[in-house]
Amino acid sequence: MAETYAEVIRIAVWSLVANLLLGIVKLAGGIIGNSFALIADAVNSIGDVMSTVVVLIALHYAQKPPDAEHPYGHTRAEGIAATNVAIVIIISALYVGWEAMQRITVHHGIPPGWTLWIASANLVIKETLYHYNMRVGRRTGSAVIMAHAWDHRSDALCSLAVLLGLAMISFGGPRFIWADEVASLIVVAAIVWSGVQLFRSSASELMDLQADPEFVEQIQAAALSVEQVENIETLWVRKSGLEYFADIHIEVDQNLTVAEGHRIGHEVKDRLLNEFPRLRDVLVHLEPFPHFHDAVEDVS
């Protein structure tokens, strides 16, 4: 897990630097070039910087070992931080959207042609970051990096909307001046959608969302491969940050001694922790085999 955390943090830092530089350039270009669409896109990048900073802090905190007050560790710090960031992003986007609507009916200058180059460069950079983050996310299995990847793709689409709006103004003249505000409203809608999705995913994680079925099946197969494990009665795998906690009920021969059952339980736990590094802990509970309900059905 140390290597996974290191790689996730490294790519998050790269995303932070890229978003910060892009945000500064777009904000300056929007103010100087009189383009509210670029300003809205800059707010998007600044929001990404905020979320990345919080994620980095949460990832650092999540690696702290368990203590007396937090016996399950601190892995949920990421989810708590993400929900708060999502709310801030949504509120900021709605404010920008309100300003854009107010500005539609106000006469203002035409953005110069060089603003097109800023929007074009941002589109290329964001699409490149999407592919890079997605490749790393798939390799590490990191939901955080996958979310960052789709955020970059969303930003690329926002940049495309800004580019089209600025192009309409540049080639169509003053009669298309409204396209700048319309493009900014499209950006706002995309930011709000991303913020809502981020809030939903992080809130679900805080409510002990079950892991992906494929991952659960892999854990079950590994547990069943341990000698003398007859069946799996219950398997709960909840996600917490980049890591997981598993609760598993295994069925063993009811005639075994307590010591033998205890040994098998430890073998299951050790195998799961060794085969799945993202498992922070595994709680193993023993059940008799055949199960009590099975025995009743056989008698009846």
Protein backbone atom coordinates (compact mmCIF):
# COMPACT_ATOMS: atom_id res chain seq x y z
CA MET A 1 0.00 0.00 0.00
CA ALA A 2 2.91 2.37 0.59
CA GLU A 3 3.79 2.21 -3.12
CA THR A 4 0.15 2.73 -4.11
CA TYR A 5 -0.18 5.75 -1.85
CA ALA A 6 3.10 7.16 -3.20
CA GLU A 7 2.00 6.80 -6.82
CA VAL A 8 -1.44 8.29 -6.15
CA ILE A 9 0.11 11.23 -4.30
CA ARG A 10 2.66 11.78 -7.09
CA ILE A 11 0.06 12.02 -9.84
CA ALA A 12 -2.18 14.17 -7.62
CA VAL A 13 0.70 16.64 -7.23
CA TRP A 14 1.16 16.77 -11.01
CA SER A 15 -2.55 17.46 -11.42
CA LEU A 16 -2.38 20.18 -8.76
CA VAL A 17 0.50 21.97 -10.49
CA ALA A 18 -1.19 21.74 -13.90
CA ASN A 19 -4.54 23.02 -12.60
CA LEU A 20 -2.90 25.85 -10.68
CA LEU A 21 -0.96 27.09 -13.71
CA LEU A 22 -3.98 26.73 -16.00
CA GLY A 23 -6.21 28.48 -13.49
CA ILE A 24 -3.85 31.47 -13.25
CA VAL A 25 -3.49 31.74 -17.04
CA LYS A 26 -7.24 31.44 -17.68
CA LEU A 27 -8.12 33.90 -14.92
CA ALA A 28 -5.64 36.47 -16.21
CA GLY A 29 -6.74 35.88 -19.81
CA GLY A 30 -10.41 36.18 -18.86
CA ILE A 31 -9.93 39.43 -16.98
CA ILE A 32 -7.61 41.06 -19.52
CA GLY A 33 -9.46 39.64 -22.55
CA ASN A 34 -12.94 40.39 -21.14
CA SER A 35 -14.08 36.74 -21.44
CA PHE A 36 -16.39 35.57 -18.67
CA ALA A 37 -16.25 32.03 -20.11
CA LEU A 38 -12.50 31.90 -19.42
CA ILE A 39 -13.10 33.26 -15.92
CA ALA A 40 -15.69 30.52 -15.29
CA ASP A 41 -13.24 27.92 -16.58
CA ALA A 42 -10.58 29.40 -14.27
CA VAL A 43 -12.92 28.94 -11.31
CA ASN A 44 -13.25 25.31 -12.41
CA SER A 45 -9.47 24.85 -12.33
CA ILE A 46 -9.16 26.62 -8.97
CA GLY A 47 -11.86 24.31 -7.61
CA ASP A 48 -9.81 21.37 -8.84
CA VAL A 49 -6.76 22.78 -7.04
CA MET A 50 -8.76 23.01 -3.81
CA SER A 51 -10.05 19.45 -4.13
CA THR A 52 -6.56 18.11 -4.92
CA VAL A 53 -5.04 19.89 -1.91
CA VAL A 54 -7.70 18.40 0.35
CA VAL A 55 -7.19 14.95 -1.18
CA LEU A 56 -3.42 15.19 -0.60
CA ILE A 57 -3.95 16.18 3.03
CA ALA A 58 -6.48 13.38 3.46
CA LEU A 59 -4.16 10.82 1.84
CA HIS A 60 -1.38 11.83 4.24
CA TYR A 61 -3.75 11.60 7.22
CA ALA A 62 -5.25 8.29 6.00
CA GLN A 63 -1.86 6.57 6.28
CA LYS A 64 -1.64 7.20 10.02
CA PRO A 65 -1.76 3.95 11.98
CA PRO A 66 -4.74 3.14 14.23
CA ASP A 67 -4.78 4.63 17.70
CA ALA A 68 -6.91 4.38 20.84
CA GLU A 69 -9.50 6.84 19.51
CA HIS A 70 -9.50 5.47 15.95
CA PRO A 71 -8.97 1.68 16.18
CA TYR A 72 -10.01 1.26 12.52
CA GLY A 73 -7.46 3.78 11.33
CA HIS A 74 -7.97 7.11 9.54
CA THR A 75 -8.79 5.97 6.00
CA ARG A 76 -12.16 7.73 5.94
CA ALA A 77 -10.48 11.13 6.06
CA GLU A 78 -10.49 11.20 2.26
CA GLY A 79 -14.25 10.68 2.03
CA ILE A 80 -14.99 13.32 4.66
CA ALA A 81 -12.77 15.83 2.89
CA ALA A 82 -14.26 15.04 -0.52
CA THR A 83 -17.84 15.72 0.60
CA ASN A 84 -16.87 19.15 1.95
CA VAL A 85 -14.91 20.02 -1.20
CA ALA A 86 -17.88 18.97 -3.36
CA ILE A 87 -20.17 21.38 -1.51
CA VAL A 88 -17.71 24.26 -1.92
CA ILE A 89 -17.32 23.50 -5.65
CA ILE A 90 -21.09 23.44 -6.21
CA ILE A 91 -21.65 26.74 -4.35
CA SER A 92 -18.81 28.43 -6.28
CA ALA A 93 -20.19 27.20 -9.60
CA LEU A 94 -23.70 28.43 -8.81
CA TYR A 95 -22.30 31.87 -7.95
CA VAL A 96 -20.43 32.02 -11.26
CA GLY A 97 -23.60 30.92 -13.07
CA TRP A 98 -25.61 33.70 -11.44
CA GLU A 99 -23.01 36.26 -12.50
CA ALA A 100 -23.08 34.91 -16.07
CA MET A 101 -26.86 35.23 -16.26
CA GLN A 102 -26.67 38.79 -14.99
CA ARG A 103 -24.03 39.58 -17.61
CA ILE A 104 -25.95 38.27 -20.65
CA THR A 105 -28.02 41.45 -20.96
CA VAL A 106 -25.09 43.78 -20.25
CA HIS A 107 -23.11 45.21 -23.16
CA HIS A 108 -19.38 44.43 -22.93
CA GLY A 109 -16.33 44.27 -25.13
CA ILE A 110 -15.48 41.45 -27.53
CA PRO A 111 -12.76 39.04 -26.29
CA PRO A 112 -9.61 39.30 -28.46
CA GLY A 113 -8.50 36.47 -30.73
CA TRP A 114 -5.64 35.35 -28.49
CA THR A 115 -8.15 34.05 -25.92
CA LEU A 116 -8.79 31.24 -28.43
CA TRP A 117 -5.21 30.06 -27.96
CA ILE A 118 -5.68 29.84 -24.18
CA ALA A 119 -8.85 27.77 -24.57
CA SER A 120 -7.20 25.53 -27.20
CA ALA A 121 -4.11 24.90 -25.07
CA ASN A 122 -6.27 24.11 -22.03
CA LEU A 123 -8.28 21.60 -24.09
CA VAL A 124 -5.15 19.75 -25.21
CA ILE A 125 -3.55 19.71 -21.74
CA LYS A 126 -6.71 18.52 -20.01
CA GLU A 127 -7.32 15.71 -22.50
CA THR A 128 -3.69 14.60 -22.08
CA LEU A 129 -4.07 14.59 -18.28
CA TYR A 130 -7.25 12.53 -18.64
CA HIS A 131 -5.45 9.74 -20.51
CA TYR A 132 -2.47 9.81 -18.13
CA ASN A 133 -4.62 9.69 -14.99
CA MET A 134 -6.85 6.98 -16.42
CA ARG A 135 -3.84 4.78 -17.25
CA VAL A 136 -2.41 5.14 -13.72
CA GLY A 137 -5.84 4.72 -12.12
CA ARG A 138 -6.46 1.44 -13.92
CA ARG A 139 -3.00 0.14 -13.01
CA THR A 140 -3.27 1.00 -9.30
CA GLY A 141 -7.01 0.45 -8.94
CA SER A 142 -7.27 3.89 -7.34
CA ALA A 143 -10.79 5.33 -7.36
CA VAL A 144 -9.34 8.73 -6.48
CA ILE A 145 -7.17 8.87 -9.58
CA MET A 146 -10.00 7.53 -11.75
CA ALA A 147 -12.20 10.34 -10.42
CA HIS A 148 -9.44 12.85 -11.21
CA ALA A 149 -9.22 11.40 -14.73
CA TRP A 150 -12.91 11.96 -15.41
CA ASP A 151 -12.63 15.42 -13.86
CA HIS A 152 -9.93 16.23 -16.43
CA ARG A 153 -12.19 14.91 -19.22
CA SER A 154 -15.02 17.11 -17.89
CA ASP A 155 -12.64 20.09 -17.89
CA ALA A 156 -11.63 19.29 -21.48
CA LEU A 157 -15.28 19.35 -22.54
CA CYS A 158 -15.71 22.66 -20.69
CA SER A 159 -12.72 24.05 -22.57
CA LEU A 160 -14.27 22.88 -25.82
CA ALA A 161 -17.45 24.82 -24.97
CA VAL A 162 -15.37 27.92 -24.17
CA LEU A 163 -13.42 27.51 -27.40
CA LEU A 164 -16.61 27.27 -29.47
CA GLY A 165 -18.11 30.30 -27.73
CA LEU A 166 -15.01 32.42 -28.29
CA ALA A 167 -14.77 31.23 -31.90
CA MET A 168 -18.37 32.31 -32.56
CA ILE A 169 -17.58 35.77 -31.23
CA SER A 170 -14.30 36.06 -33.12
CA PHE A 171 -15.75 35.04 -36.49
CA GLY A 172 -19.33 36.20 -36.06
CA GLY A 173 -18.74 39.59 -34.52
CA PRO A 174 -20.75 41.54 -31.90
CA ARG A 175 -24.05 39.84 -32.74
CA PHE A 176 -22.67 36.64 -31.14
CA ILE A 177 -21.42 38.36 -27.97
CA TRP A 178 -23.91 36.27 -25.95
CA ALA A 179 -21.96 33.10 -26.83
CA ASP A 180 -19.37 33.92 -24.17
CA GLU A 181 -21.95 33.83 -21.38
CA VAL A 182 -23.67 30.75 -22.83
CA ALA A 183 -20.32 28.95 -22.86
CA SER A 184 -19.75 29.96 -19.24
CA LEU A 185 -23.17 28.57 -18.27
CA ILE A 186 -22.26 25.26 -19.95
CA VAL A 187 -19.07 25.22 -17.87
CA VAL A 188 -21.09 25.95 -14.72
CA ALA A 189 -23.48 23.07 -15.48
CA ALA A 190 -20.53 20.70 -15.95
CA ILE A 191 -18.94 21.86 -12.66
CA VAL A 192 -22.19 21.36 -10.73
CA TRP A 193 -22.65 17.90 -12.26
CA SER A 194 -19.08 16.92 -11.29
CA GLY A 195 -19.58 18.29 -7.78
CA VAL A 196 -22.81 16.33 -7.30
CA GLN A 197 -21.17 13.12 -8.54
CA LEU A 198 -18.21 13.67 -6.21
CA PHE A 199 -20.55 14.25 -3.25
CA ARG A 200 -22.62 11.15 -4.03
CA SER A 201 -19.63 8.85 -4.39
CA SER A 202 -17.86 10.11 -1.25
CA ALA A 203 -21.08 10.08 0.80
CA SER A 204 -21.82 6.50 -0.31
CA GLU A 205 -18.35 5.47 0.79
CA LEU A 206 -18.95 6.97 4.24
CA MET A 207 -22.10 4.82 4.47
CA ASP A 208 -20.06 1.59 4.14
CA LEU A 209 -20.76 0.95 0.46
CA GLN A 210 -20.07 -2.65 -0.56
CA ALA A 211 -17.02 -3.10 -2.80
CA ASP A 212 -17.26 -3.98 -6.49
CA PRO A 213 -18.71 -7.49 -7.07
CA GLU A 214 -15.59 -8.58 -8.97
CA PHE A 215 -13.32 -7.69 -6.04
CA VAL A 216 -15.67 -9.44 -3.58
CA GLU A 217 -15.66 -12.58 -5.74
CA GLN A 218 -11.86 -12.61 -5.83
CA ILE A 219 -11.72 -12.42 -2.03
CA GLN A 220 -14.29 -15.21 -1.70
CA ALA A 221 -12.35 -17.46 -4.07
CA ALA A 222 -9.13 -16.87 -2.14
CA ALA A 223 -10.82 -17.70 1.17
CA LEU A 224 -12.35 -20.89 -0.23
CA SER A 225 -8.91 -22.00 -1.42
CA VAL A 226 -7.77 -22.37 2.20
CA GLU A 227 -7.80 -26.01 3.25
CA GLN A 228 -10.73 -27.07 5.48
CA VAL A 229 -12.86 -24.01 4.61
CA GLU A 230 -16.11 -25.65 3.50
CA ASN A 231 -18.18 -22.62 2.55
CA ILE A 232 -18.51 -18.83 2.86
CA GLU A 233 -21.70 -17.82 4.65
CA THR A 234 -21.23 -14.03 4.67
CA LEU A 235 -18.73 -11.68 3.05
CA TRP A 236 -18.89 -7.92 3.49
CA VAL A 237 -16.18 -5.73 1.98
CA ARG A 238 -16.47 -2.00 2.61
CA LYS A 239 -14.33 0.66 1.00
CA SER A 240 -12.57 3.24 3.14
CA GLY A 241 -10.40 5.67 1.19
CA LEU A 242 -7.90 3.69 -0.88
CA GLU A 243 -8.26 0.64 1.35
CA TYR A 244 -10.87 -1.94 2.29
CA PHE A 245 -12.12 -3.74 5.39
CA ALA A 246 -13.56 -7.26 5.10
CA ASP A 247 -15.90 -9.18 7.39
CA ILE A 248 -16.11 -12.85 6.46
CA HIS A 249 -18.00 -15.79 7.97
CA ILE A 250 -16.40 -19.11 7.04
CA GLU A 251 -17.92 -22.52 7.60
CA VAL A 252 -15.66 -25.30 8.95
CA ASP A 253 -16.25 -28.85 10.16
CA GLN A 254 -18.33 -28.60 13.31
CA ASN A 255 -16.33 -31.42 14.90
CA LEU A 256 -13.06 -29.47 14.91
CA THR A 257 -11.65 -28.16 18.17
CA VAL A 258 -11.69 -24.46 18.98
CA ALA A 259 -7.92 -24.36 18.50
CA GLU A 260 -8.18 -25.94 15.03
CA GLY A 261 -10.95 -23.56 13.97
CA HIS A 262 -8.91 -20.65 15.29
CA ARG A 263 -5.91 -21.77 13.21
CA ILE A 264 -8.01 -21.98 10.03
CA GLY A 265 -9.43 -18.52 10.68
CA HIS A 266 -5.92 -17.08 10.94
CA GLU A 267 -4.89 -18.85 7.73
CA VAL A 268 -7.82 -17.23 5.91
CA LYS A 269 -6.96 -13.80 7.28
CA ASP A 270 -3.25 -14.12 6.46
CA ARG A 271 -3.95 -15.31 2.91
CA LEU A 272 -6.37 -12.47 2.20
CA LEU A 273 -4.04 -9.81 3.58
CA ASN A 274 -1.13 -11.21 1.57
CA GLU A 275 -3.02 -11.56 -1.72
CA PHE A 276 -4.90 -8.26 -1.50
CA PRO A 277 -2.63 -5.42 -0.30
CA ARG A 278 -5.53 -2.96 -0.33
CA LEU A 279 -7.23 -4.85 2.51
CA ARG A 280 -6.47 -2.95 5.70
CA ASP A 281 -7.97 -5.63 7.97
CA VAL A 282 -10.04 -8.82 7.84
CA LEU A 283 -12.42 -9.98 10.56
CA VAL A 284 -13.01 -13.76 10.38
CA HIS A 285 -15.98 -15.42 12.09
CA LEU A 286 -16.38 -19.21 12.28
CA GLU A 287 -19.62 -21.07 11.55
CA PRO A 288 -20.25 -24.84 11.91
CA PHE A 289 -20.52 -26.97 8.78
CA PRO A 290 -23.02 -28.25 7.93
CA HIS A 291 -24.75 -25.04 8.98
CA PHE A 292 -27.53 -25.31 11.57
CA HIS A 293 -30.23 -24.39 9.02
CA ASP A 294 -28.86 -26.94 6.55
CA ALA A 295 -29.00 -29.65 9.20
CA VAL A 296 -32.64 -28.78 10.02
CA GLU A 297 -33.57 -29.01 6.31
CA ASP A 298 -31.86 -32.42 6.02
CA VAL A 299 -33.81 -33.76 9.02
CA SER A 300 -37.10 -32.46 7.69
